[in-house]
Amino acid sequence: MLYVIYAEDNTDSLEKRAVVRPAHVARLQVLRDEGRLIIAGPMPAVDSNEPGIAGFSGSTIIAEFTSLEAAQVWAKDDPYVAAGVYKQVTVKPFKRTF
């Protein structure tokens, strides 16, 4: 089943994001290589693809997991969580219509 992982950033998270981004992206690459990643990306804090020092307000990932619990465990183990980039992470089932 698909799950949406919606994460909200802490204030001033841009520097922390930069430090742990390679580890974060490596985990996403594994999902992609397994054919389980539908979409993933950060949400700019301003109306721009390149937000500069404004940074990001969070991230959204939609991926396939065996269960809600498996998706929650995966999200909890994200390097951005450990580094304090995210202040809150929500995981919910997702049904793709289109």
N, C-alpha and C. Protein backbone atom coordinates (compact mmCIF):
# COMPACT_ATOMS: atom_id res chain seq x y z
N MET A 1 0.84 -1.18 0.00
CA MET A 1 0.00 0.00 0.00
C MET A 1 0.88 1.24 0.00
N LEU A 2 0.33 2.32 -0.51
CA LEU A 2 1.06 3.59 -0.51
C LEU A 2 0.80 4.36 0.77
N TYR A 3 1.83 5.12 1.18
CA TYR A 3 1.73 5.98 2.36
C TYR A 3 2.35 7.32 2.04
N VAL A 4 1.73 8.37 2.58
CA VAL A 4 2.30 9.71 2.46
C VAL A 4 2.99 10.03 3.78
N ILE A 5 4.22 10.49 3.66
CA ILE A 5 5.00 10.94 4.80
C ILE A 5 5.14 12.44 4.65
N TYR A 6 4.53 13.17 5.58
CA TYR A 6 4.53 14.63 5.54
C TYR A 6 5.31 15.11 6.75
N ALA A 7 6.39 15.82 6.50
CA ALA A 7 7.26 16.29 7.58
C ALA A 7 7.34 17.80 7.57
N GLU A 8 7.23 18.39 8.75
CA GLU A 8 7.36 19.83 8.91
C GLU A 8 8.71 20.14 9.54
N ASP A 9 9.39 21.12 8.96
CA ASP A 9 10.72 21.51 9.45
C ASP A 9 10.65 22.36 10.71
N ASN A 10 11.70 22.25 11.51
CA ASN A 10 11.94 23.20 12.58
C ASN A 10 12.38 24.51 11.95
N THR A 11 12.28 25.58 12.71
CA THR A 11 12.78 26.88 12.26
C THR A 11 14.29 26.81 12.05
N ASP A 12 14.78 27.49 11.04
CA ASP A 12 16.22 27.55 10.76
C ASP A 12 16.84 26.17 10.55
N SER A 13 16.18 25.34 9.76
CA SER A 13 16.66 23.98 9.52
C SER A 13 17.58 23.85 8.31
N LEU A 14 17.76 24.92 7.56
CA LEU A 14 18.47 24.83 6.28
C LEU A 14 19.89 24.28 6.44
N GLU A 15 20.63 24.75 7.40
CA GLU A 15 22.01 24.28 7.60
C GLU A 15 22.04 22.80 7.98
N LYS A 16 21.14 22.40 8.87
CA LYS A 16 21.06 20.98 9.26
C LYS A 16 20.70 20.11 8.07
N ARG A 17 19.78 20.61 7.23
CA ARG A 17 19.40 19.87 6.03
C ARG A 17 20.62 19.60 5.15
N ALA A 18 21.42 20.63 4.95
CA ALA A 18 22.58 20.50 4.07
C ALA A 18 23.57 19.45 4.58
N VAL A 19 23.75 19.40 5.87
CA VAL A 19 24.72 18.47 6.47
C VAL A 19 24.29 17.02 6.27
N VAL A 20 23.02 16.71 6.49
CA VAL A 20 22.57 15.31 6.44
C VAL A 20 21.87 14.92 5.14
N ARG A 21 21.78 15.84 4.20
CA ARG A 21 21.08 15.55 2.94
C ARG A 21 21.61 14.31 2.22
N PRO A 22 22.91 14.09 2.12
CA PRO A 22 23.37 12.88 1.41
C PRO A 22 22.82 11.58 2.01
N ALA A 23 22.76 11.49 3.32
CA ALA A 23 22.21 10.28 3.96
C ALA A 23 20.71 10.17 3.72
N HIS A 24 20.02 11.29 3.78
CA HIS A 24 18.57 11.32 3.53
C HIS A 24 18.27 10.87 2.10
N VAL A 25 19.00 11.41 1.14
CA VAL A 25 18.79 11.07 -0.27
C VAL A 25 19.16 9.61 -0.54
N ALA A 26 20.17 9.09 0.13
CA ALA A 26 20.58 7.69 -0.06
C ALA A 26 19.45 6.74 0.33
N ARG A 27 18.73 7.06 1.40
CA ARG A 27 17.59 6.22 1.81
C ARG A 27 16.47 6.28 0.78
N LEU A 28 16.23 7.46 0.23
CA LEU A 28 15.22 7.60 -0.81
C LEU A 28 15.62 6.83 -2.06
N GLN A 29 16.91 6.83 -2.37
CA GLN A 29 17.41 6.12 -3.54
C GLN A 29 17.15 4.62 -3.42
N VAL A 30 17.26 4.08 -2.22
CA VAL A 30 16.96 2.65 -2.01
C VAL A 30 15.50 2.37 -2.34
N LEU A 31 14.60 3.22 -1.85
CA LEU A 31 13.18 3.05 -2.20
C LEU A 31 12.96 3.13 -3.70
N ARG A 32 13.65 4.08 -4.33
CA ARG A 32 13.52 4.23 -5.78
C ARG A 32 14.03 3.00 -6.51
N ASP A 33 15.20 2.50 -6.10
CA ASP A 33 15.79 1.33 -6.74
C ASP A 33 14.89 0.10 -6.59
N GLU A 34 14.15 0.04 -5.50
CA GLU A 34 13.23 -1.07 -5.25
C GLU A 34 11.88 -0.87 -5.95
N GLY A 35 11.70 0.27 -6.63
CA GLY A 35 10.46 0.56 -7.33
C GLY A 35 9.32 0.96 -6.41
N ARG A 36 9.65 1.41 -5.20
CA ARG A 36 8.62 1.73 -4.20
C ARG A 36 8.39 3.23 -4.02
N LEU A 37 9.24 4.06 -4.57
CA LEU A 37 9.12 5.51 -4.40
C LEU A 37 8.27 6.10 -5.52
N ILE A 38 7.20 6.79 -5.15
CA ILE A 38 6.34 7.45 -6.13
C ILE A 38 6.82 8.88 -6.36
N ILE A 39 7.02 9.62 -5.27
CA ILE A 39 7.48 11.00 -5.36
C ILE A 39 8.09 11.41 -4.03
N ALA A 40 9.04 12.30 -4.09
CA ALA A 40 9.65 12.83 -2.87
C ALA A 40 10.25 14.18 -3.16
N GLY A 41 10.16 15.07 -2.19
CA GLY A 41 10.79 16.37 -2.37
C GLY A 41 10.50 17.31 -1.22
N PRO A 42 11.31 18.37 -1.15
CA PRO A 42 11.11 19.38 -0.12
C PRO A 42 10.06 20.39 -0.55
N MET A 43 9.52 21.08 0.43
CA MET A 43 8.54 22.13 0.17
C MET A 43 9.20 23.48 0.46
N PRO A 44 9.49 24.27 -0.58
CA PRO A 44 10.12 25.57 -0.37
C PRO A 44 9.29 26.45 0.56
N ALA A 45 9.98 27.20 1.39
CA ALA A 45 9.31 28.10 2.34
C ALA A 45 8.74 29.34 1.64
N VAL A 46 9.17 29.58 0.41
CA VAL A 46 8.66 30.70 -0.38
C VAL A 46 8.25 30.16 -1.75
N ASP A 47 7.55 30.96 -2.52
CA ASP A 47 7.04 30.55 -3.82
C ASP A 47 8.14 30.57 -4.87
N SER A 48 9.06 29.60 -4.76
CA SER A 48 10.18 29.52 -5.68
C SER A 48 10.78 28.13 -5.62
N ASN A 49 11.21 27.62 -6.78
CA ASN A 49 11.92 26.34 -6.81
C ASN A 49 13.29 26.44 -6.15
N GLU A 50 13.84 27.61 -6.10
CA GLU A 50 15.14 27.87 -5.47
C GLU A 50 14.93 28.87 -4.35
N PRO A 51 14.57 28.43 -3.15
CA PRO A 51 14.20 29.36 -2.08
C PRO A 51 15.37 30.08 -1.41
N GLY A 52 16.59 29.70 -1.75
CA GLY A 52 17.75 30.38 -1.15
C GLY A 52 17.73 30.28 0.37
N ILE A 53 18.04 31.38 1.03
CA ILE A 53 18.13 31.35 2.48
C ILE A 53 16.78 31.19 3.18
N ALA A 54 15.68 31.33 2.44
CA ALA A 54 14.35 31.09 3.04
C ALA A 54 14.20 29.62 3.42
N GLY A 55 14.90 28.76 2.69
CA GLY A 55 14.90 27.33 3.01
C GLY A 55 13.60 26.63 2.69
N PHE A 56 13.31 25.63 3.49
CA PHE A 56 12.18 24.75 3.24
C PHE A 56 11.29 24.66 4.48
N SER A 57 10.01 24.43 4.24
CA SER A 57 9.07 24.30 5.36
C SER A 57 8.84 22.85 5.74
N GLY A 58 9.29 21.93 4.91
CA GLY A 58 9.11 20.51 5.18
C GLY A 58 9.37 19.67 3.95
N SER A 59 8.91 18.43 4.00
CA SER A 59 9.10 17.49 2.90
C SER A 59 7.87 16.60 2.78
N THR A 60 7.67 16.08 1.57
CA THR A 60 6.61 15.11 1.33
C THR A 60 7.20 13.93 0.56
N ILE A 61 6.85 12.74 1.02
CA ILE A 61 7.28 11.50 0.37
C ILE A 61 6.03 10.63 0.21
N ILE A 62 5.87 10.06 -0.96
CA ILE A 62 4.83 9.05 -1.15
C ILE A 62 5.55 7.80 -1.65
N ALA A 63 5.38 6.71 -0.88
CA ALA A 63 6.10 5.48 -1.20
C ALA A 63 5.28 4.27 -0.75
N GLU A 64 5.67 3.12 -1.27
CA GLU A 64 5.00 1.88 -0.93
C GLU A 64 5.71 1.20 0.24
N PHE A 65 4.90 0.77 1.22
CA PHE A 65 5.40 0.01 2.36
C PHE A 65 4.45 -1.14 2.62
N THR A 66 4.88 -2.13 3.38
CA THR A 66 4.05 -3.30 3.67
C THR A 66 2.93 -2.99 4.64
N SER A 67 3.11 -1.94 5.45
CA SER A 67 2.09 -1.59 6.45
C SER A 67 2.31 -0.16 6.93
N LEU A 68 1.32 0.36 7.62
CA LEU A 68 1.45 1.68 8.23
C LEU A 68 2.60 1.68 9.22
N GLU A 69 2.71 0.63 10.00
CA GLU A 69 3.80 0.54 10.98
C GLU A 69 5.17 0.57 10.29
N ALA A 70 5.31 -0.14 9.19
CA ALA A 70 6.58 -0.15 8.46
C ALA A 70 6.91 1.24 7.94
N ALA A 71 5.91 1.95 7.44
CA ALA A 71 6.13 3.32 6.95
C ALA A 71 6.52 4.25 8.10
N GLN A 72 5.88 4.08 9.26
CA GLN A 72 6.20 4.91 10.42
C GLN A 72 7.62 4.65 10.91
N VAL A 73 8.02 3.40 10.94
CA VAL A 73 9.38 3.06 11.36
C VAL A 73 10.39 3.66 10.39
N TRP A 74 10.12 3.53 9.09
CA TRP A 74 11.04 4.08 8.09
C TRP A 74 11.16 5.60 8.27
N ALA A 75 10.03 6.27 8.45
CA ALA A 75 10.03 7.73 8.61
C ALA A 75 10.77 8.14 9.88
N LYS A 76 10.58 7.41 10.95
CA LYS A 76 11.22 7.73 12.24
C LYS A 76 12.75 7.61 12.14
N ASP A 77 13.22 6.72 11.28
CA ASP A 77 14.66 6.48 11.14
C ASP A 77 15.34 7.41 10.14
N ASP A 78 14.61 8.38 9.61
CA ASP A 78 15.19 9.31 8.64
C ASP A 78 16.29 10.16 9.29
N PRO A 79 17.40 10.36 8.60
CA PRO A 79 18.48 11.20 9.14
C PRO A 79 18.03 12.62 9.48
N TYR A 80 17.03 13.13 8.77
CA TYR A 80 16.53 14.47 9.10
C TYR A 80 15.86 14.50 10.47
N VAL A 81 15.25 13.40 10.88
CA VAL A 81 14.66 13.31 12.21
C VAL A 81 15.77 13.35 13.26
N ALA A 82 16.77 12.50 13.07
CA ALA A 82 17.88 12.43 14.04
C ALA A 82 18.63 13.75 14.16
N ALA A 83 18.74 14.49 13.05
CA ALA A 83 19.49 15.75 13.05
C ALA A 83 18.66 16.94 13.55
N GLY A 84 17.37 16.72 13.78
CA GLY A 84 16.52 17.82 14.24
C GLY A 84 16.02 18.73 13.15
N VAL A 85 16.06 18.28 11.90
CA VAL A 85 15.51 19.07 10.80
C VAL A 85 13.99 19.12 10.93
N TYR A 86 13.39 17.97 11.18
CA TYR A 86 11.93 17.88 11.26
C TYR A 86 11.45 18.09 12.69
N LYS A 87 10.39 18.88 12.85
CA LYS A 87 9.77 19.02 14.16
C LYS A 87 8.58 18.08 14.31
N GLN A 88 7.99 17.68 13.18
CA GLN A 88 6.85 16.76 13.23
C GLN A 88 6.79 15.97 11.93
N VAL A 89 6.50 14.69 12.06
CA VAL A 89 6.35 13.81 10.91
C VAL A 89 5.01 13.08 11.04
N THR A 90 4.21 13.15 9.98
CA THR A 90 2.92 12.47 9.94
C THR A 90 2.94 11.44 8.82
N VAL A 91 2.47 10.24 9.12
CA VAL A 91 2.42 9.16 8.13
C VAL A 91 0.97 8.70 8.03
N LYS A 92 0.45 8.68 6.80
CA LYS A 92 -0.94 8.26 6.58
C LYS A 92 -1.04 7.39 5.33
N PRO A 93 -1.99 6.47 5.34
CA PRO A 93 -2.24 5.69 4.12
C PRO A 93 -2.66 6.64 2.98
N PHE A 94 -2.33 6.23 1.76
CA PHE A 94 -2.61 7.07 0.59
C PHE A 94 -3.17 6.17 -0.51
N LYS A 95 -4.27 6.58 -1.09
CA LYS A 95 -4.86 5.84 -2.20
C LYS A 95 -4.73 6.68 -3.47
N ARG A 96 -3.92 6.16 -4.39
CA ARG A 96 -3.74 6.88 -5.66
C ARG A 96 -4.96 6.66 -6.55
N THR A 97 -5.51 7.75 -7.03
CA THR A 97 -6.62 7.69 -7.97
C THR A 97 -6.13 7.98 -9.38
N PHE A 98 -5.27 8.98 -9.52
CA PHE A 98 -4.68 9.32 -10.82
C PHE A 98 -3.18 9.28 -10.70
